[in-house]
Amino acid sequence: MLQTYEAVLQPNGSLQFLDLPAIPGRAPCRVLVTFTDDGQPADTAFCGASLSEAVLAQDWLREEEEAAWAHLQPGK
């Protein structure tokens, strides 16, 4: 089971977990680390959702797509 915990990467390379429950005798385990900025990115154009929306819109607005989804839009 995957569990997510918040941690801070220290300058010496160690992780300081902020909300890891104390479990005596915890065995070493494999972790995945994702680096995040402290705040919102200054340029949201690099946000994955923003980037994908423009590309997907090209497909969404094609005549073939409109025809494929027409049965779900009875008012059209």
C-alpha atoms as a PDB file:
ATOM      1  CA  MET A   1       0.000   0.000   0.000  1.00  0.00           C
ATOM      2  CA  LEU A   2       1.363   3.425  -0.948  1.00  0.00           C
ATOM      3  CA  GLN A   3       1.376   6.105   1.720  1.00  0.00           C
ATOM      4  CA  THR A   4       2.339   9.746   1.282  1.00  0.00           C
ATOM      5  CA  TYR A   5       4.268  11.711   3.886  1.00  0.00           C
ATOM      6  CA  GLU A   6       5.565  15.259   3.768  1.00  0.00           C
ATOM      7  CA  ALA A   7       9.304  15.766   4.244  1.00  0.00           C
ATOM      8  CA  VAL A   8      11.974  18.437   3.896  1.00  0.00           C
ATOM      9  CA  LEU A   9      15.232  17.699   2.091  1.00  0.00           C
ATOM     10  CA  GLN A  10      18.085  18.955   4.234  1.00  0.00           C
ATOM     11  CA  PRO A  11      21.266  20.470   2.682  1.00  0.00           C
ATOM     12  CA  ASN A  12      23.212  17.355   3.727  1.00  0.00           C
ATOM     13  CA  GLY A  13      20.855  15.170   1.662  1.00  0.00           C
ATOM     14  CA  SER A  14      18.838  13.689   4.500  1.00  0.00           C
ATOM     15  CA  LEU A  15      15.052  13.806   4.592  1.00  0.00           C
ATOM     16  CA  GLN A  16      13.277  15.250   7.629  1.00  0.00           C
ATOM     17  CA  PHE A  17       9.778  13.804   7.684  1.00  0.00           C
ATOM     18  CA  LEU A  18       7.158  16.181   9.036  1.00  0.00           C
ATOM     19  CA  ASP A  19       4.283  13.783   9.639  1.00  0.00           C
ATOM     20  CA  LEU A  20       5.783  10.292   9.754  1.00  0.00           C
ATOM     21  CA  PRO A  21       4.182   8.302  12.574  1.00  0.00           C
ATOM     22  CA  ALA A  22       6.621   6.935  15.142  1.00  0.00           C
ATOM     23  CA  ILE A  23       6.824   3.176  14.698  1.00  0.00           C
ATOM     24  CA  PRO A  24       9.431   1.435  16.851  1.00  0.00           C
ATOM     25  CA  GLY A  25      11.729  -0.864  14.907  1.00  0.00           C
ATOM     26  CA  ARG A  26      10.781   0.564  11.486  1.00  0.00           C
ATOM     27  CA  ALA A  27      12.722  -1.332   8.837  1.00  0.00           C
ATOM     28  CA  PRO A  28      14.379   0.497   5.927  1.00  0.00           C
ATOM     29  CA  CYS A  29      11.996   0.916   3.020  1.00  0.00           C
ATOM     30  CA  ARG A  30      11.979   2.182  -0.544  1.00  0.00           C
ATOM     31  CA  VAL A  31      10.674   5.724  -1.080  1.00  0.00           C
ATOM     32  CA  LEU A  32       9.768   7.907  -4.067  1.00  0.00           C
ATOM     33  CA  VAL A  33      10.606  11.601  -3.798  1.00  0.00           C
ATOM     34  CA  THR A  34       8.874  14.425  -5.671  1.00  0.00           C
ATOM     35  CA  PHE A  35      10.392  17.890  -5.478  1.00  0.00           C
ATOM     36  CA  THR A  36       7.940  20.789  -5.245  1.00  0.00           C
ATOM     37  CA  ASP A  37       8.275  24.548  -5.033  1.00  0.00           C
ATOM     38  CA  ASP A  38       7.275  26.255  -1.819  1.00  0.00           C
ATOM     39  CA  GLY A  39       4.667  28.377  -3.576  1.00  0.00           C
ATOM     40  CA  GLN A  40       2.798  28.614  -6.843  1.00  0.00           C
ATOM     41  CA  PRO A  41       4.991  28.694  -9.947  1.00  0.00           C
ATOM     42  CA  ALA A  42       5.453  32.221 -11.300  1.00  0.00           C
ATOM     43  CA  ASP A  43       4.640  31.098 -14.833  1.00  0.00           C
ATOM     44  CA  THR A  44       1.652  28.758 -14.894  1.00  0.00           C
ATOM     45  CA  ALA A  45       2.238  28.052 -18.601  1.00  0.00           C
ATOM     46  CA  PHE A  46       4.589  25.286 -17.502  1.00  0.00           C
ATOM     47  CA  CYS A  47       1.864  23.603 -15.460  1.00  0.00           C
ATOM     48  CA  GLY A  48       1.055  20.204 -16.984  1.00  0.00           C
ATOM     49  CA  ALA A  49      -2.675  20.847 -17.073  1.00  0.00           C
ATOM     50  CA  SER A  50      -2.204  24.176 -18.835  1.00  0.00           C
ATOM     51  CA  LEU A  51       0.111  22.655 -21.401  1.00  0.00           C
ATOM     52  CA  SER A  52      -2.117  19.696 -22.165  1.00  0.00           C
ATOM     53  CA  GLU A  53      -5.333  21.709 -22.495  1.00  0.00           C
ATOM     54  CA  ALA A  54      -4.197  23.599 -25.596  1.00  0.00           C
ATOM     55  CA  VAL A  55      -2.996  20.419 -27.271  1.00  0.00           C
ATOM     56  CA  LEU A  56      -6.125  18.466 -26.397  1.00  0.00           C
ATOM     57  CA  ALA A  57      -8.365  21.310 -27.564  1.00  0.00           C
ATOM     58  CA  GLN A  58      -7.115  20.714 -31.086  1.00  0.00           C
ATOM     59  CA  ASP A  59      -8.596  17.207 -30.936  1.00  0.00           C
ATOM     60  CA  TRP A  60     -11.708  18.173 -28.983  1.00  0.00           C
ATOM     61  CA  LEU A  61     -12.763  20.742 -31.577  1.00  0.00           C
ATOM     62  CA  ARG A  62     -12.499  18.485 -34.633  1.00  0.00           C
ATOM     63  CA  GLU A  63     -15.627  17.624 -36.606  1.00  0.00           C
ATOM     64  CA  GLU A  64     -15.038  13.903 -35.952  1.00  0.00           C
ATOM     65  CA  GLU A  65     -15.097  14.472 -32.187  1.00  0.00           C
ATOM     66  CA  GLU A  66     -18.312  16.479 -32.373  1.00  0.00           C
ATOM     67  CA  ALA A  67     -19.959  13.673 -34.334  1.00  0.00           C
ATOM     68  CA  ALA A  68     -18.684  11.000 -31.943  1.00  0.00           C
ATOM     69  CA  TRP A  69     -20.118  12.770 -28.872  1.00  0.00           C
ATOM     70  CA  ALA A  70     -23.300  14.141 -30.474  1.00  0.00           C
ATOM     71  CA  HIS A  71     -25.473  11.388 -28.955  1.00  0.00           C
ATOM     72  CA  LEU A  72     -24.661  12.751 -25.487  1.00  0.00           C
ATOM     73  CA  GLN A  73     -25.824  16.258 -26.399  1.00  0.00           C
ATOM     74  CA  PRO A  74     -29.510  15.949 -27.308  1.00  0.00           C
ATOM     75  CA  GLY A  75     -29.931  19.748 -27.607  1.00  0.00           C
ATOM     76  CA  LYS A  76     -27.532  19.958 -30.546  1.00  0.00           C
END
